[in-house]
Protein backbone atom coordinates (compact mmCIF):
# COMPACT_ATOMS: atom_id res chain seq x y z
CA MET A 1 -30.99 40.72 48.85
CA ILE A 2 -29.31 41.53 45.56
CA PHE A 3 -26.81 38.68 46.02
CA ARG A 4 -29.66 36.33 46.75
CA PHE A 5 -31.44 37.48 43.58
CA LEU A 6 -28.29 36.90 41.49
CA GLN A 7 -27.89 33.39 42.95
CA LEU A 8 -31.48 32.57 42.02
CA THR A 9 -31.03 33.93 38.51
CA THR A 10 -27.85 31.92 38.05
CA ILE A 11 -29.54 28.74 39.16
CA LEU A 12 -32.47 29.23 36.86
CA LEU A 13 -30.13 29.84 33.87
CA LEU A 14 -28.37 26.68 34.63
CA ILE A 15 -31.59 24.71 34.96
CA THR A 16 -32.78 26.16 31.65
CA ALA A 17 -29.52 25.37 29.87
CA CYS A 18 -29.65 21.73 31.10
CA SER A 19 -33.25 21.26 30.10
CA ARG A 20 -33.22 22.32 26.44
CA SER A 21 -36.48 20.63 25.25
CA ASP A 22 -35.44 21.38 21.62
CA LEU A 23 -32.24 19.39 21.89
CA GLY A 24 -31.43 15.82 22.90
CA LYS A 25 -31.82 12.41 21.26
CA ALA A 26 -33.61 12.39 17.90
CA PRO A 27 -35.93 9.58 16.77
CA LEU A 28 -34.17 7.07 14.49
CA PRO A 29 -35.86 6.66 10.97
CA ASP A 30 -37.52 3.30 10.48
CA ASN A 31 -34.98 2.41 7.70
CA TYR A 32 -31.93 3.69 9.64
CA GLU A 33 -29.92 0.46 9.40
CA GLU A 34 -30.53 0.28 5.66
CA GLU A 35 -29.62 4.00 5.24
CA PHE A 36 -26.45 3.48 7.35
CA ASP A 37 -25.37 0.49 5.26
CA THR A 38 -25.78 2.58 2.14
CA TRP A 39 -23.65 5.32 3.69
CA GLN A 40 -20.97 2.77 4.64
CA GLU A 41 -20.85 1.37 1.11
CA SER A 42 -20.30 4.89 -0.20
CA ARG A 43 -17.64 5.42 2.36
CA MET A 44 -15.83 2.25 1.23
CA GLU A 45 -16.11 3.34 -2.38
CA SER A 46 -14.47 6.68 -1.66
CA LEU A 47 -11.58 4.85 0.00
CA THR A 48 -10.93 1.99 -2.45
CA ASN A 49 -11.92 3.15 -5.93
CA PRO A 50 -9.12 3.53 -8.49
CA THR A 51 -8.43 7.09 -7.22
CA GLY A 52 -9.64 6.55 -3.70
CA TRP A 53 -7.90 7.90 -0.66
CA MET A 54 -6.32 4.50 0.19
CA ARG A 55 -4.70 4.22 -3.25
CA LEU A 56 -2.66 7.44 -2.71
CA ALA A 57 1.00 6.49 -3.30
CA GLY A 58 2.84 9.75 -3.27
CA MET A 59 2.71 13.54 -2.85
CA TYR A 60 5.50 15.48 -4.55
CA TRP A 61 5.79 19.31 -4.25
CA LEU A 62 7.28 20.96 -7.33
CA GLU A 63 10.10 23.44 -7.50
CA GLU A 64 9.82 26.31 -9.94
CA GLY A 65 11.32 25.21 -13.28
CA GLN A 66 12.12 21.64 -14.35
CA ASN A 67 11.52 18.67 -12.07
CA SER A 68 12.72 15.37 -13.40
CA PHE A 69 10.72 12.25 -12.39
CA GLY A 70 10.97 8.47 -12.67
CA THR A 71 12.03 5.60 -10.42
CA GLY A 72 15.84 6.18 -10.64
CA ASP A 73 17.78 7.61 -7.83
CA GLN A 74 18.84 10.59 -9.99
CA ALA A 75 15.29 11.82 -10.46
CA ASP A 76 14.18 14.89 -8.61
CA ILE A 77 10.81 13.20 -7.99
CA LYS A 78 11.09 9.45 -7.31
CA PHE A 79 7.98 7.41 -8.04
CA PRO A 80 7.40 3.97 -6.50
CA GLU A 81 9.84 1.38 -7.64
CA GLY A 82 8.88 -0.65 -10.68
CA THR A 83 6.09 1.75 -11.70
CA LEU A 84 8.01 3.94 -14.31
CA PRO A 85 11.29 4.00 -16.20
CA ALA A 86 14.26 5.29 -14.23
CA TYR A 87 13.82 8.59 -16.16
CA ALA A 88 10.31 9.23 -17.32
CA GLY A 89 10.35 12.90 -18.14
CA GLU A 90 9.98 16.34 -16.58
CA PHE A 91 7.33 18.37 -14.80
CA MET A 92 7.89 22.04 -15.67
CA LEU A 93 6.34 24.53 -13.29
CA ALA A 94 6.24 28.14 -14.54
CA ASP A 95 3.89 30.91 -13.59
CA GLY A 96 1.61 28.66 -11.57
CA LYS A 97 1.10 26.30 -14.57
CA VAL A 98 2.47 22.76 -15.01
CA THR A 99 3.55 21.13 -18.29
CA LEU A 100 4.49 17.45 -18.56
CA GLN A 101 7.32 16.47 -20.96
CA ALA A 102 7.80 12.71 -21.44
CA ALA A 103 11.16 11.16 -22.02
CA ASP A 104 11.84 10.11 -25.70
CA ASP A 105 10.72 6.47 -25.33
CA VAL A 106 7.72 7.16 -22.89
CA GLU A 107 4.12 8.01 -23.57
CA PHE A 108 1.41 9.05 -21.07
CA THR A 109 -2.33 9.11 -21.64
CA TYR A 110 -5.12 11.57 -20.87
CA ASN A 111 -8.67 10.41 -21.55
CA GLU A 112 -7.12 7.33 -23.28
CA GLU A 113 -5.21 9.60 -25.72
CA PRO A 114 -1.50 9.22 -25.78
CA PHE A 115 0.85 12.22 -25.61
CA GLN A 116 4.42 13.22 -24.91
CA GLN A 117 3.96 16.85 -24.04
CA ARG A 118 0.97 18.53 -22.59
CA GLU A 119 -0.04 21.33 -20.16
CA ILE A 120 -1.53 19.34 -17.21
CA TYR A 121 -2.42 22.23 -15.01
CA ASP A 122 -3.42 25.71 -16.20
CA GLY A 123 -3.68 27.26 -12.74
CA GLU A 124 -7.24 26.19 -12.21
CA GLU A 125 -8.00 22.84 -13.93
CA ALA A 126 -5.89 19.73 -13.37
CA LEU A 127 -5.85 16.88 -15.80
CA SER A 128 -5.70 13.22 -14.60
CA ILE A 129 -2.75 11.50 -16.34
CA GLN A 130 -2.38 7.74 -16.57
CA TYR A 131 0.52 5.39 -16.98
CA GLY A 132 0.02 1.68 -16.33
CA SER A 133 -1.41 1.26 -12.81
CA LEU A 134 -0.57 4.96 -12.04
CA GLU A 135 -2.77 7.96 -12.14
CA TRP A 136 -1.85 11.50 -11.06
CA LEU A 137 -2.93 15.12 -11.07
CA VAL A 138 -1.67 18.51 -10.01
CA ILE A 139 -2.93 19.95 -6.66
CA LYS A 140 -2.48 23.32 -5.18
CA ARG A 141 -2.29 24.13 -1.46
CA GLU A 142 -1.87 27.86 -0.86
CA ASP A 143 1.60 28.66 -2.38
CA LEU A 144 2.51 24.94 -2.87
CA ILE A 145 1.93 23.09 -6.18
CA GLY A 146 2.54 19.40 -6.36
CA ILE A 147 1.69 16.04 -7.84
CA ARG A 148 -0.80 13.69 -6.13
CA LEU A 149 -0.10 10.12 -7.25
CA TYR A 150 -2.47 7.17 -7.06
CA ASN A 151 -1.54 3.51 -7.66
CA LYS A 152 -4.41 1.17 -8.61
CA ASP A 153 -2.30 -1.90 -8.03
CA ASN A 154 -2.55 -2.35 -4.21
CA PRO A 155 -3.51 -5.80 -2.88
CA LYS A 156 -3.79 -4.43 0.68
CA VAL A 157 -6.49 -2.00 -0.41
CA ASP A 158 -8.21 -4.65 -2.47
CA ALA A 159 -8.60 -6.73 0.71
CA PHE A 160 -9.72 -3.84 2.90
CA SER A 161 -13.09 -4.35 4.52
CA GLY A 162 -13.45 -1.27 6.75
CA PHE A 163 -11.96 0.26 9.85
CA GLU A 164 -12.83 -0.91 13.29
CA ARG A 165 -15.67 1.23 14.71
CA TYR A 166 -17.92 1.60 17.66
CA PRO A 167 -21.26 -0.29 17.48
CA ILE A 168 -24.15 1.80 16.03
CA ASP A 169 -25.77 3.55 19.03
CA SER A 170 -28.97 5.51 18.78
CA GLU A 171 -27.88 7.58 21.75
CA TRP A 172 -25.48 9.40 19.36
CA TYR A 173 -28.22 10.28 16.84
CA LEU A 174 -29.09 13.76 18.12
CA THR A 175 -31.16 16.84 17.29
CA ALA A 176 -29.01 19.78 16.46
CA LYS A 177 -29.87 23.48 16.16
CA PHE A 178 -28.24 25.53 13.34
CA ILE A 179 -27.23 29.12 14.14
CA PRO A 180 -26.46 30.97 10.91
CA ALA A 181 -23.22 32.93 10.69
CA GLU A 182 -22.91 36.53 9.57
CA VAL A 183 -22.51 37.08 5.83
CA ASP A 184 -19.02 36.23 4.55
CA GLU A 185 -18.00 35.06 7.98
CA THR A 186 -14.92 32.74 8.11
CA ILE A 187 -13.08 30.58 10.71
CA SER A 188 -9.35 29.80 10.75
CA ILE A 189 -8.52 26.22 9.85
CA VAL A 190 -4.95 24.77 9.89
CA ASN A 191 -3.82 21.72 7.89
CA VAL A 192 -1.22 19.10 8.53
CA LEU A 193 1.32 21.20 6.45
CA GLY A 194 0.87 23.98 9.04
CA GLN A 195 -0.98 26.23 6.49
CA LEU A 196 -3.61 28.48 8.05
CA MET A 197 -6.66 29.26 5.93
CA ASP A 198 -9.70 31.51 6.56
CA THR A 199 -12.52 29.22 5.56
CA PRO A 200 -16.19 30.19 4.92
CA THR A 201 -18.59 28.96 7.63
CA PRO A 202 -22.35 28.72 7.28
CA GLY A 203 -22.81 28.86 11.02
CA THR A 204 -22.68 26.91 14.30
CA ILE A 205 -24.30 23.68 15.35
CA GLU A 206 -25.60 23.17 18.86
CA PHE A 207 -26.38 19.74 20.36
CA MET A 208 -26.87 18.37 23.82
CA LYS A 209 -25.33 15.31 25.47
CA ASN A 210 -25.59 14.23 29.03
CA GLY A 211 -27.50 17.36 29.82
CA LYS A 212 -24.82 19.69 28.49
CA VAL A 213 -24.98 21.80 25.37
CA TYR A 214 -22.00 21.70 23.02
CA THR A 215 -21.25 23.76 19.92
CA LEU A 216 -19.39 23.05 16.67
CA ASP A 217 -18.43 25.50 13.90
CA ALA A 218 -19.39 24.11 10.51
CA LEU A 219 -17.69 24.59 7.12
CA GLU A 220 -19.42 25.12 3.84
CA GLY A 221 -20.16 22.01 1.74
CA THR A 222 -21.86 21.52 -1.53
CA ASP A 223 -24.91 19.57 -0.37
CA GLN A 224 -24.15 19.27 3.37
CA MET A 225 -22.23 21.06 6.13
CA PHE A 226 -18.77 19.70 6.99
CA LEU A 227 -17.55 19.32 10.60
CA ILE A 228 -13.98 18.77 11.85
CA VAL A 229 -14.33 17.38 15.36
CA GLY A 230 -11.93 16.68 18.16
CA ASP A 231 -12.95 14.83 21.33
CA LEU A 232 -11.56 13.08 24.43
CA THR A 233 -11.55 9.66 22.69
CA ASN A 234 -8.69 11.06 20.41
CA GLN A 235 -6.41 10.47 23.36
CA THR A 236 -7.21 6.77 23.51
CA GLU A 237 -9.20 5.00 20.83
CA THR A 238 -9.78 7.33 17.95
CA TYR A 239 -7.47 9.21 15.53
CA GLN A 240 -5.30 11.60 17.47
CA ALA A 241 -5.94 14.56 15.14
CA GLY A 242 -9.80 14.32 15.16
CA ARG A 243 -12.45 13.02 12.76
CA TYR A 244 -14.79 14.30 10.09
CA LEU A 245 -18.59 14.38 9.70
CA TYR A 246 -21.13 15.75 7.26
CA ILE A 247 -24.63 16.75 8.32
CA ASP A 248 -27.63 18.04 6.43
CA TYR A 249 -28.58 21.74 6.31
CA PRO A 250 -31.89 22.34 7.96
CA GLU A 251 -34.96 22.10 5.89
CA GLU A 252 -36.47 25.35 4.63
CA GLU A 253 -38.10 27.45 7.44
CA SER A 254 -36.46 25.30 10.13
CA ASP A 255 -33.42 25.84 12.40
CA TYR A 256 -33.04 22.18 13.26
CA THR A 257 -31.21 19.20 11.71
CA VAL A 258 -29.78 15.88 12.92
CA ILE A 259 -26.17 15.21 13.89
CA ASP A 260 -25.31 11.53 13.59
CA PHE A 261 -22.05 10.76 15.34
CA ASN A 262 -22.25 7.16 14.22
CA LYS A 263 -20.94 8.56 10.91
CA LEU A 264 -17.80 10.19 12.26
CA TYR A 265 -15.00 8.94 10.04
CA ASN A 266 -11.24 9.08 9.87
CA PRO A 267 -9.57 11.74 7.79
CA PRO A 268 -7.21 10.51 5.03
CA CYS A 269 -4.07 11.44 7.01
CA ALA A 270 -5.04 8.82 9.60
CA TYR A 271 -4.08 6.06 7.27
CA ASN A 272 -2.03 7.69 4.45
CA LEU A 273 1.06 9.87 4.51
CA PHE A 274 0.28 11.61 1.32
CA SER A 275 -2.78 13.77 2.21
CA THR A 276 -3.13 17.31 3.44
CA CYS A 277 -5.91 17.03 6.09
CA GLN A 278 -7.54 19.86 7.85
CA LEU A 279 -7.38 19.78 11.64
CA PRO A 280 -10.13 20.63 14.21
CA PRO A 281 -10.20 24.33 15.17
CA ILE A 282 -9.81 24.94 18.89
CA GLN A 283 -13.52 25.60 19.33
CA ASN A 284 -14.39 22.24 17.86
CA ARG A 285 -12.18 20.26 20.31
CA LEU A 286 -14.84 19.04 22.72
CA ASP A 287 -14.51 18.13 26.35
CA LEU A 288 -16.68 15.03 25.61
CA GLU A 289 -16.03 11.39 24.87
CA ILE A 290 -17.78 10.61 21.62
CA THR A 291 -17.90 6.83 21.69
CA ALA A 292 -19.32 6.57 18.15
CA GLY A 293 -17.99 6.32 14.59
CA GLU A 294 -14.74 4.96 13.28
CA LYS A 295 -11.82 4.14 15.58
CA ARG A 296 -8.08 4.76 15.14
CA PRO A 297 -6.65 2.87 12.11
CA GLN A 298 -4.24 0.17 13.02
CA ASP A 299 -1.36 -1.37 10.93
CA TRP A 300 -1.62 0.97 7.99
CA GLU A 301 1.90 2.33 8.17
CA GLY A 302 3.75 2.50 4.85
CA LEU A 303 0.59 2.06 2.75
CA GLU A 304 1.50 2.39 -0.91
């Protein structure tokens, strides 16, 4: 009798889980296509502007002390050929700060003002330095400090018109429930450098697809929540290390928002060797084929 009761209870729980009336497909806004086009234009801008992700041309980690740079073979840091003199100067890393010393016959600019020596990173703020078509700044990743270089002169990027993607599908525009995290809760995120970081999370997102409820842990964002998502299409058609997505926080006094998988996009490391992308945590690698959003980039090897 007890066994029979447990069987019935299990069946009822399964039925309830598969019939979440609060989750499922969300109604598309009347202006959805227009709104999506605006989002796509913003996406293209973030990729192709003068310091967009596609114009990354180098990532150089600094050693403590002096780091010579230029285009010559003798330089500690070798910039792309033809962009700088063979010896252009030194990056001096000391106590977490970086000073740039130009060679005698070289000048760099910051905010259109020329200089030969300047602190370009004070441990918190990084200055954007220009020379010809180049622009660079210092970045910090845990215990690593380096130079992130952009090259505005890139005809391939100038001709870029977007990644191949799945057709827009209203079936991937879904209601999602937001479950807040505990105060100061974090989740572990690893990046392509193998660095593991405890990252603040606002909470968990629940959504339903094909009658099954799935969850994704979100990361804090300025105006939206940030999701790093892995799914079964990573094995075939989409980027192997997962894709990214932003979604709105729920409105005040609501637990619900919308998750639009049509806006899944490729992380920078999918098409550029000089980025430090975060990878999906294990709990965000879904046993689900998300046939929406951007597909795996093709023919972008060696982008400079």
